[in-house]
Amino acid sequence: MPGLFHGEISHLLPEQLKNEFSTLNPISDFGTLIQPFDYNGYAAGHKLALQSILNGTYADESDATEIQWNSLSLFKNIPGKKRFITSDRAFLKGISDESDSDFKQIQVSTENLTENSLLNRYEDLRIGLKASEILEKEKPKLTVVHFFGADACHSDFSRYAENLGAMSLAIRKIWETAQQNDELKNRTALIVLPDFGRNTIPNSLLDAHGNACFDHSISDKQTRDIFCLIAAPENRLQNNNLSFSFRESVDIPSMVEHLIKT
């Protein structure tokens, strides 16, 4: 994820995408990487994991419906405009308009695509572009951006690597938007984390390039080992004990409230 971290850029990324990173410093240059950081939920399901991040509690499958309808509730204590941006229709469908009425839910459409080939190929780039646009125009107090491209890893590792690159570029563009805006740059914090990781051992599938593919299981430690990257103005992170106070995905609502109050 060259938009987030230093390191060699994967050979699986097409040249056009690689070129986007040639003049960018990764977000890790502007923040703090918290490790270890874990997802310790009952199951490695995408919606359950996302709900744990947004709601601050782990749920098992039997609780999924109830948690889904209240998944943004802990963020309701934060005053001001709040935006939730995603392409996942199923997740938006499950959010209660009544319980989350103070969140404006924005679905990024796959229709009316531009002629930009990167935007056509990578949905996560379109999500990042929409998030940047909303951030600049509306300046919400809290913006939640939900990327979903990494799920290609089950059957297409090459596409998974591409999507991670595109996702990291999208996140980097969101950070740039904030830093180039005088009203936002000194009061914006960015928190980045995955819902969970991937298994240590691949499944039985090979993609078109012969690369092994990976699933996710809560019994695998690598699935539970994730990361949390925070970029923020120095006054927000200086002398801050964030890396000691917050160690799990369910800590994110508390982390957000902590940063807003700092």
C-alpha atoms as a PDB file:
ATOM      1  CA  MET A   1       0.000   0.000   0.000  1.00  0.00           C
ATOM      2  CA  PRO A   2       2.426   2.681  -1.220  1.00  0.00           C
ATOM      3  CA  GLY A   3       0.042   5.529  -0.444  1.00  0.00           C
ATOM      4  CA  LEU A   4       0.220   4.576   3.237  1.00  0.00           C
ATOM      5  CA  PHE A   5       3.672   3.078   3.887  1.00  0.00           C
ATOM      6  CA  HIS A   6       7.238   3.101   2.579  1.00  0.00           C
ATOM      7  CA  GLY A   7       8.346  -0.034   0.749  1.00  0.00           C
ATOM      8  CA  GLU A   8       8.760  -1.598  -2.644  1.00  0.00           C
ATOM      9  CA  ILE A   9       5.765  -1.131  -4.924  1.00  0.00           C
ATOM     10  CA  SER A  10       4.269  -4.451  -5.984  1.00  0.00           C
ATOM     11  CA  HIS A  11       5.081  -5.633  -9.501  1.00  0.00           C
ATOM     12  CA  LEU A  12       1.396  -6.557  -9.783  1.00  0.00           C
ATOM     13  CA  LEU A  13       0.383  -2.891  -9.996  1.00  0.00           C
ATOM     14  CA  PRO A  14       0.009  -1.575 -13.570  1.00  0.00           C
ATOM     15  CA  GLU A  15       2.409   1.178 -14.606  1.00  0.00           C
ATOM     16  CA  GLN A  16      -0.297   3.848 -14.723  1.00  0.00           C
ATOM     17  CA  LEU A  17      -1.108   3.195 -11.070  1.00  0.00           C
ATOM     18  CA  LYS A  18       2.572   2.984 -10.057  1.00  0.00           C
ATOM     19  CA  ASN A  19       3.228   6.379 -11.633  1.00  0.00           C
ATOM     20  CA  GLU A  20       0.668   7.996  -9.308  1.00  0.00           C
ATOM     21  CA  PHE A  21       2.982   7.323  -6.344  1.00  0.00           C
ATOM     22  CA  SER A  22       6.153   8.807  -7.870  1.00  0.00           C
ATOM     23  CA  THR A  23       5.727  12.223  -6.216  1.00  0.00           C
ATOM     24  CA  LEU A  24       3.869  11.230  -3.038  1.00  0.00           C
ATOM     25  CA  ASN A  25       5.142  10.754   0.471  1.00  0.00           C
ATOM     26  CA  PRO A  26       3.150   7.994   2.216  1.00  0.00           C
ATOM     27  CA  ILE A  27       0.766   8.934   5.007  1.00  0.00           C
ATOM     28  CA  SER A  28       3.000   7.175   7.564  1.00  0.00           C
ATOM     29  CA  ASP A  29       5.373  10.173   7.213  1.00  0.00           C
ATOM     30  CA  PHE A  30       2.716  12.355   8.820  1.00  0.00           C
ATOM     31  CA  GLY A  31       1.473  10.136  11.622  1.00  0.00           C
ATOM     32  CA  THR A  32       1.752   7.239  14.004  1.00  0.00           C
ATOM     33  CA  LEU A  33       1.442   3.511  13.296  1.00  0.00           C
ATOM     34  CA  ILE A  34      -0.109   1.626  16.202  1.00  0.00           C
ATOM     35  CA  GLN A  35       1.036  -1.977  16.474  1.00  0.00           C
ATOM     36  CA  PRO A  36       0.063  -4.424  17.751  1.00  0.00           C
ATOM     37  CA  PHE A  37      -3.530  -3.646  16.852  1.00  0.00           C
ATOM     38  CA  ASP A  38      -6.141  -6.414  16.708  1.00  0.00           C
ATOM     39  CA  TYR A  39      -9.566  -7.489  15.559  1.00  0.00           C
ATOM     40  CA  ASN A  40     -10.817  -9.927  18.211  1.00  0.00           C
ATOM     41  CA  GLY A  41     -14.382 -10.471  17.074  1.00  0.00           C
ATOM     42  CA  TYR A  42     -16.302 -13.732  17.163  1.00  0.00           C
ATOM     43  CA  ALA A  43     -16.129 -14.191  13.394  1.00  0.00           C
ATOM     44  CA  ALA A  44     -14.164 -12.758  10.477  1.00  0.00           C
ATOM     45  CA  GLY A  45     -17.145 -11.426   8.559  1.00  0.00           C
ATOM     46  CA  HIS A  46     -16.873  -8.073   6.784  1.00  0.00           C
ATOM     47  CA  LYS A  47     -20.109  -6.576   8.088  1.00  0.00           C
ATOM     48  CA  LEU A  48     -19.521  -7.815  11.633  1.00  0.00           C
ATOM     49  CA  ALA A  49     -16.006  -6.360  11.595  1.00  0.00           C
ATOM     50  CA  LEU A  50     -17.136  -3.021  10.160  1.00  0.00           C
ATOM     51  CA  GLN A  51     -19.867  -2.825  12.758  1.00  0.00           C
ATOM     52  CA  SER A  52     -17.321  -3.440  15.536  1.00  0.00           C
ATOM     53  CA  ILE A  53     -15.288  -0.484  14.266  1.00  0.00           C
ATOM     54  CA  LEU A  54     -18.312   1.811  14.068  1.00  0.00           C
ATOM     55  CA  ASN A  55     -20.174   0.605  17.137  1.00  0.00           C
ATOM     56  CA  GLY A  56     -17.316  -0.200  19.522  1.00  0.00           C
ATOM     57  CA  THR A  57     -18.600  -3.688  20.398  1.00  0.00           C
ATOM     58  CA  TYR A  58     -17.994  -7.166  19.010  1.00  0.00           C
ATOM     59  CA  ALA A  59     -21.052  -9.114  17.878  1.00  0.00           C
ATOM     60  CA  ASP A  60     -21.576 -12.707  16.825  1.00  0.00           C
ATOM     61  CA  GLU A  61     -23.777 -13.788  13.923  1.00  0.00           C
ATOM     62  CA  SER A  62     -26.895 -13.941  16.099  1.00  0.00           C
ATOM     63  CA  ASP A  63     -26.473 -10.255  16.981  1.00  0.00           C
ATOM     64  CA  ALA A  64     -25.701  -9.124  13.435  1.00  0.00           C
ATOM     65  CA  THR A  65     -29.114  -7.707  12.566  1.00  0.00           C
ATOM     66  CA  GLU A  66     -29.478  -5.716  15.772  1.00  0.00           C
ATOM     67  CA  ILE A  67     -25.923  -4.372  15.608  1.00  0.00           C
ATOM     68  CA  GLN A  68     -26.290  -3.500  11.926  1.00  0.00           C
ATOM     69  CA  TRP A  69     -29.310  -1.299  12.585  1.00  0.00           C
ATOM     70  CA  ASN A  70     -27.427   0.637  15.236  1.00  0.00           C
ATOM     71  CA  SER A  71     -23.917   0.473  13.820  1.00  0.00           C
ATOM     72  CA  LEU A  72     -23.193   4.190  13.855  1.00  0.00           C
ATOM     73  CA  SER A  73     -24.807   4.904  17.207  1.00  0.00           C
ATOM     74  CA  LEU A  74     -21.678   5.637  19.266  1.00  0.00           C
ATOM     75  CA  PHE A  75     -20.732   8.428  16.878  1.00  0.00           C
ATOM     76  CA  LYS A  76     -24.050  10.195  17.497  1.00  0.00           C
ATOM     77  CA  ASN A  77     -22.527  11.962  20.521  1.00  0.00           C
ATOM     78  CA  ILE A  78     -20.262  13.955  18.217  1.00  0.00           C
ATOM     79  CA  PRO A  79     -21.967  17.235  17.228  1.00  0.00           C
ATOM     80  CA  GLY A  80     -21.929  18.594  13.686  1.00  0.00           C
ATOM     81  CA  LYS A  81     -22.236  17.216  10.168  1.00  0.00           C
ATOM     82  CA  LYS A  82     -21.362  13.542   9.714  1.00  0.00           C
ATOM     83  CA  ARG A  83     -21.005  11.642   6.444  1.00  0.00           C
ATOM     84  CA  PHE A  84     -20.823   7.916   5.660  1.00  0.00           C
ATOM     85  CA  ILE A  85     -19.497   7.152   2.150  1.00  0.00           C
ATOM     86  CA  THR A  86     -19.538   3.673   0.594  1.00  0.00           C
ATOM     87  CA  SER A  87     -20.426   1.649  -2.488  1.00  0.00           C
ATOM     88  CA  ASP A  88     -21.859  -1.223  -0.420  1.00  0.00           C
ATOM     89  CA  ARG A  89     -25.632  -1.206  -1.005  1.00  0.00           C
ATOM     90  CA  ALA A  90     -26.224  -4.063   1.434  1.00  0.00           C
ATOM     91  CA  PHE A  91     -24.663  -2.203   4.327  1.00  0.00           C
ATOM     92  CA  LEU A  92     -26.570   0.995   3.637  1.00  0.00           C
ATOM     93  CA  LYS A  93     -29.796  -0.964   3.373  1.00  0.00           C
ATOM     94  CA  GLY A  94     -29.299  -2.319   6.880  1.00  0.00           C
ATOM     95  CA  ILE A  95     -28.676   1.033   8.552  1.00  0.00           C
ATOM     96  CA  SER A  96     -31.701   2.431  10.317  1.00  0.00           C
ATOM     97  CA  ASP A  97     -32.689   5.891   9.101  1.00  0.00           C
ATOM     98  CA  GLU A  98     -34.148   6.569  12.519  1.00  0.00           C
ATOM     99  CA  SER A  99     -31.111   5.571  14.585  1.00  0.00           C
ATOM    100  CA  ASP A 100     -28.606   7.183  12.232  1.00  0.00           C
ATOM    101  CA  SER A 101     -30.557  10.162  10.946  1.00  0.00           C
ATOM    102  CA  ASP A 102     -27.745  12.573  11.803  1.00  0.00           C
ATOM    103  CA  PHE A 103     -25.447  10.716   9.392  1.00  0.00           C
ATOM    104  CA  LYS A 104     -25.826  11.580   5.733  1.00  0.00           C
ATOM    105  CA  GLN A 105     -25.292   8.292   3.875  1.00  0.00           C
ATOM    106  CA  ILE A 106     -23.698   8.648   0.451  1.00  0.00           C
ATOM    107  CA  GLN A 107     -23.528   5.758  -1.976  1.00  0.00           C
ATOM    108  CA  VAL A 108     -20.935   6.069  -4.726  1.00  0.00           C
ATOM    109  CA  SER A 109     -22.541   4.996  -7.984  1.00  0.00           C
ATOM    110  CA  THR A 110     -20.924   2.832 -10.659  1.00  0.00           C
ATOM    111  CA  GLU A 111     -22.882   4.685 -13.318  1.00  0.00           C
ATOM    112  CA  ASN A 112     -21.773   7.675 -15.416  1.00  0.00           C
ATOM    113  CA  LEU A 113     -18.100   6.817 -15.130  1.00  0.00           C
ATOM    114  CA  THR A 114     -15.503   9.278 -16.410  1.00  0.00           C
ATOM    115  CA  GLU A 115     -13.059   8.582 -19.208  1.00  0.00           C
ATOM    116  CA  ASN A 116     -10.237   8.284 -16.679  1.00  0.00           C
ATOM    117  CA  SER A 117      -9.155   4.654 -16.969  1.00  0.00           C
ATOM    118  CA  LEU A 118      -7.983   4.440 -13.351  1.00  0.00           C
ATOM    119  CA  LEU A 119     -11.363   5.641 -12.081  1.00  0.00           C
ATOM    120  CA  ASN A 120     -13.114   3.164 -14.387  1.00  0.00           C
ATOM    121  CA  ARG A 121     -11.017   0.258 -13.152  1.00  0.00           C
ATOM    122  CA  TYR A 122     -10.904   0.971  -9.415  1.00  0.00           C
ATOM    123  CA  GLU A 123     -14.126   1.646  -7.541  1.00  0.00           C
ATOM    124  CA  ASP A 124     -12.173   2.583  -4.427  1.00  0.00           C
ATOM    125  CA  LEU A 125     -10.616   5.505  -6.316  1.00  0.00           C
ATOM    126  CA  ARG A 126     -14.089   6.766  -7.146  1.00  0.00           C
ATOM    127  CA  ILE A 127     -15.039   6.473  -3.474  1.00  0.00           C
ATOM    128  CA  GLY A 128     -11.934   8.441  -2.497  1.00  0.00           C
ATOM    129  CA  LEU A 129     -12.692  11.126  -5.072  1.00  0.00           C
ATOM    130  CA  LYS A 130     -16.252  11.503  -3.738  1.00  0.00           C
ATOM    131  CA  ALA A 131     -14.973  11.651  -0.155  1.00  0.00           C
ATOM    132  CA  SER A 132     -12.443  14.344  -1.103  1.00  0.00           C
ATOM    133  CA  GLU A 133     -15.162  16.360  -2.831  1.00  0.00           C
ATOM    134  CA  ILE A 134     -17.479  16.183   0.181  1.00  0.00           C
ATOM    135  CA  LEU A 135     -14.662  16.952   2.597  1.00  0.00           C
ATOM    136  CA  GLU A 136     -13.724  20.090   0.686  1.00  0.00           C
ATOM    137  CA  LYS A 137     -17.269  21.352   0.061  1.00  0.00           C
ATOM    138  CA  GLU A 138     -19.078  20.410   3.277  1.00  0.00           C
ATOM    139  CA  LYS A 139     -16.240  20.096   5.820  1.00  0.00           C
ATOM    140  CA  PRO A 140     -18.088  17.554   7.999  1.00  0.00           C
ATOM    141  CA  LYS A 141     -17.105  17.099  11.612  1.00  0.00           C
ATOM    142  CA  LEU A 142     -16.749  13.352  10.991  1.00  0.00           C
ATOM    143  CA  THR A 143     -16.432  11.455   7.705  1.00  0.00           C
ATOM    144  CA  VAL A 144     -16.469   7.651   7.527  1.00  0.00           C
ATOM    145  CA  VAL A 145     -15.191   6.213   4.222  1.00  0.00           C
ATOM    146  CA  HIS A 146     -15.809   2.516   3.592  1.00  0.00           C
ATOM    147  CA  PHE A 147     -13.645   0.801   0.934  1.00  0.00           C
ATOM    148  CA  PHE A 148     -14.539  -2.693  -0.234  1.00  0.00           C
ATOM    149  CA  GLY A 149     -12.091  -3.542  -3.064  1.00  0.00           C
ATOM    150  CA  ALA A 150      -9.782  -5.735  -0.990  1.00  0.00           C
ATOM    151  CA  ASP A 151     -12.313  -8.560  -0.890  1.00  0.00           C
ATOM    152  CA  ALA A 152     -11.042  -9.763  -4.288  1.00  0.00           C
ATOM    153  CA  CYS A 153      -8.357 -11.768  -2.471  1.00  0.00           C
ATOM    154  CA  HIS A 154     -10.581 -14.872  -2.180  1.00  0.00           C
ATOM    155  CA  SER A 155     -10.182 -15.712  -5.870  1.00  0.00           C
ATOM    156  CA  ASP A 156      -7.926 -13.098  -7.507  1.00  0.00           C
ATOM    157  CA  PHE A 157      -4.768 -12.162  -5.597  1.00  0.00           C
ATOM    158  CA  SER A 158      -3.458 -10.012  -8.455  1.00  0.00           C
ATOM    159  CA  ARG A 159      -6.608  -7.907  -8.466  1.00  0.00           C
ATOM    160  CA  TYR A 160      -6.421  -7.757  -4.668  1.00  0.00           C
ATOM    161  CA  ALA A 161      -2.900  -6.271  -4.862  1.00  0.00           C
ATOM    162  CA  GLU A 162      -4.077  -3.739  -7.463  1.00  0.00           C
ATOM    163  CA  ASN A 163      -7.065  -2.771  -5.336  1.00  0.00           C
ATOM    164  CA  LEU A 164      -4.887  -2.259  -2.254  1.00  0.00           C
ATOM    165  CA  GLY A 165      -2.682   0.075  -4.289  1.00  0.00           C
ATOM    166  CA  ALA A 166      -5.705   1.993  -5.597  1.00  0.00           C
ATOM    167  CA  MET A 167      -7.221   2.152  -2.115  1.00  0.00           C
ATOM    168  CA  SER A 168      -4.015   3.528  -0.618  1.00  0.00           C
ATOM    169  CA  LEU A 169      -3.884   6.151  -3.378  1.00  0.00           C
ATOM    170  CA  ALA A 170      -7.497   7.123  -2.666  1.00  0.00           C
ATOM    171  CA  ILE A 171      -6.744   7.536   1.038  1.00  0.00           C
ATOM    172  CA  ARG A 172      -3.637   9.578   0.238  1.00  0.00           C
ATOM    173  CA  LYS A 173      -5.738  11.864  -1.982  1.00  0.00           C
ATOM    174  CA  ILE A 174      -8.225  12.402   0.857  1.00  0.00           C
ATOM    175  CA  TRP A 175      -5.348  13.412   3.144  1.00  0.00           C
ATOM    176  CA  GLU A 176      -3.988  15.775   0.464  1.00  0.00           C
ATOM    177  CA  THR A 177      -7.395  17.419   0.131  1.00  0.00           C
ATOM    178  CA  ALA A 178      -7.421  18.185   3.848  1.00  0.00           C
ATOM    179  CA  GLN A 179      -3.841  19.473   3.841  1.00  0.00           C
ATOM    180  CA  GLN A 180      -4.476  21.808   0.909  1.00  0.00           C
ATOM    181  CA  ASN A 181      -7.470  23.446   2.601  1.00  0.00           C
ATOM    182  CA  ASP A 182      -6.714  26.173   5.151  1.00  0.00           C
ATOM    183  CA  GLU A 183      -9.841  25.391   7.172  1.00  0.00           C
ATOM    184  CA  LEU A 184      -9.086  21.675   7.405  1.00  0.00           C
ATOM    185  CA  LYS A 185      -5.337  21.160   7.531  1.00  0.00           C
ATOM    186  CA  ASN A 186      -4.762  22.108  11.169  1.00  0.00           C
ATOM    187  CA  ARG A 187      -7.813  20.334  12.575  1.00  0.00           C
ATOM    188  CA  THR A 188      -8.076  17.123  10.551  1.00  0.00           C
ATOM    189  CA  ALA A 189      -7.052  13.695  11.820  1.00  0.00           C
ATOM    190  CA  LEU A 190      -7.114  10.626   9.557  1.00  0.00           C
ATOM    191  CA  ILE A 191      -7.497   7.100  10.955  1.00  0.00           C
ATOM    192  CA  VAL A 192      -6.883   4.137   8.628  1.00  0.00           C
ATOM    193  CA  LEU A 193      -7.397   0.460   9.460  1.00  0.00           C
ATOM    194  CA  PRO A 194      -8.593  -2.744   7.764  1.00  0.00           C
ATOM    195  CA  ASP A 195     -11.587  -4.665   9.069  1.00  0.00           C
ATOM    196  CA  PHE A 196      -9.316  -7.711   9.563  1.00  0.00           C
ATOM    197  CA  GLY A 197      -6.407  -9.510   7.896  1.00  0.00           C
ATOM    198  CA  ARG A 198      -6.008 -12.686   5.814  1.00  0.00           C
ATOM    199  CA  ASN A 199      -5.171 -16.288   6.598  1.00  0.00           C
ATOM    200  CA  THR A 200      -1.568 -17.449   6.773  1.00  0.00           C
ATOM    201  CA  ILE A 201      -2.255 -20.443   4.518  1.00  0.00           C
ATOM    202  CA  PRO A 202      -3.791 -19.878   1.048  1.00  0.00           C
ATOM    203  CA  ASN A 203      -6.949 -21.560  -0.161  1.00  0.00           C
ATOM    204  CA  SER A 204      -6.956 -23.971  -3.112  1.00  0.00           C
ATOM    205  CA  LEU A 205      -7.430 -21.325  -5.838  1.00  0.00           C
ATOM    206  CA  LEU A 206      -4.866 -19.763  -8.175  1.00  0.00           C
ATOM    207  CA  ASP A 207      -5.634 -16.577 -10.083  1.00  0.00           C
ATOM    208  CA  ALA A 208      -4.999 -16.003 -13.795  1.00  0.00           C
ATOM    209  CA  HIS A 209      -1.347 -15.136 -13.039  1.00  0.00           C
ATOM    210  CA  GLY A 210      -0.757 -18.239 -10.927  1.00  0.00           C
ATOM    211  CA  ASN A 211      -0.861 -16.422  -7.593  1.00  0.00           C
ATOM    212  CA  ALA A 212      -2.355 -18.207  -4.587  1.00  0.00           C
ATOM    213  CA  CYS A 213      -5.497 -16.703  -3.041  1.00  0.00           C
ATOM    214  CA  PHE A 214      -6.430 -16.223   0.605  1.00  0.00           C
ATOM    215  CA  ASP A 215      -9.545 -16.339   2.770  1.00  0.00           C
ATOM    216  CA  HIS A 216      -9.992 -15.097   6.361  1.00  0.00           C
ATOM    217  CA  SER A 217     -10.754 -17.089   9.512  1.00  0.00           C
ATOM    218  CA  ILE A 218     -10.887 -15.840  13.069  1.00  0.00           C
ATOM    219  CA  SER A 219      -8.918 -18.943  14.153  1.00  0.00           C
ATOM    220  CA  ASP A 220      -5.891 -17.662  12.219  1.00  0.00           C
ATOM    221  CA  LYS A 221      -3.780 -15.155  14.161  1.00  0.00           C
ATOM    222  CA  GLN A 222      -2.824 -13.322  10.972  1.00  0.00           C
ATOM    223  CA  THR A 223      -6.500 -12.616  10.317  1.00  0.00           C
ATOM    224  CA  ARG A 224      -6.763 -10.995  13.743  1.00  0.00           C
ATOM    225  CA  ASP A 225      -3.483  -9.017  13.498  1.00  0.00           C
ATOM    226  CA  ILE A 226      -4.244  -5.699  11.792  1.00  0.00           C
ATOM    227  CA  PHE A 227      -2.844  -2.150  12.001  1.00  0.00           C
ATOM    228  CA  CYS A 228      -4.053   1.338  12.779  1.00  0.00           C
ATOM    229  CA  LEU A 229      -2.426   4.350  11.137  1.00  0.00           C
ATOM    230  CA  ILE A 230      -3.211   7.846  12.426  1.00  0.00           C
ATOM    231  CA  ALA A 231      -2.175  11.031  10.641  1.00  0.00           C
ATOM    232  CA  ALA A 232      -2.884  14.338  12.364  1.00  0.00           C
ATOM    233  CA  PRO A 233      -1.435  17.794  13.015  1.00  0.00           C
ATOM    234  CA  GLU A 234       1.474  17.652  15.448  1.00  0.00           C
ATOM    235  CA  ASN A 235      -0.509  19.363  18.186  1.00  0.00           C
ATOM    236  CA  ARG A 236      -2.989  16.468  18.102  1.00  0.00           C
ATOM    237  CA  LEU A 237      -0.383  13.699  18.407  1.00  0.00           C
ATOM    238  CA  GLN A 238       2.379  15.381  20.400  1.00  0.00           C
ATOM    239  CA  ASN A 239       2.678  14.026  23.952  1.00  0.00           C
ATOM    240  CA  ASN A 240      -0.315  11.802  23.160  1.00  0.00           C
ATOM    241  CA  ASN A 241      -0.735   8.301  24.548  1.00  0.00           C
ATOM    242  CA  LEU A 242      -2.902   7.051  21.672  1.00  0.00           C
ATOM    243  CA  SER A 243      -0.619   4.125  20.890  1.00  0.00           C
ATOM    244  CA  PHE A 244      -0.902   2.893  24.487  1.00  0.00           C
ATOM    245  CA  SER A 245      -4.584   3.550  25.108  1.00  0.00           C
ATOM    246  CA  PHE A 246      -6.137   1.967  22.016  1.00  0.00           C
ATOM    247  CA  ARG A 247      -5.243  -1.513  20.793  1.00  0.00           C
ATOM    248  CA  GLU A 248      -8.332  -3.034  19.124  1.00  0.00           C
ATOM    249  CA  SER A 249     -10.784  -2.215  16.359  1.00  0.00           C
ATOM    250  CA  VAL A 250     -13.547  -1.687  18.940  1.00  0.00           C
ATOM    251  CA  ASP A 251     -11.472   1.203  20.354  1.00  0.00           C
ATOM    252  CA  ILE A 252     -12.005   3.350  17.252  1.00  0.00           C
ATOM    253  CA  PRO A 253     -15.098   5.282  18.498  1.00  0.00           C
ATOM    254  CA  SER A 254     -13.232   6.164  21.703  1.00  0.00           C
ATOM    255  CA  MET A 255     -10.167   7.143  19.676  1.00  0.00           C
ATOM    256  CA  VAL A 256     -12.256   9.446  17.487  1.00  0.00           C
ATOM    257  CA  GLU A 257     -13.825  11.123  20.514  1.00  0.00           C
ATOM    258  CA  HIS A 258     -10.378  11.473  22.101  1.00  0.00           C
ATOM    259  CA  LEU A 259      -8.928  13.166  19.013  1.00  0.00           C
ATOM    260  CA  ILE A 260     -11.888  15.517  18.669  1.00  0.00           C
ATOM    261  CA  LYS A 261     -11.558  16.615  22.292  1.00  0.00           C
ATOM    262  CA  THR A 262      -7.747  17.013  22.143  1.00  0.00           C
END
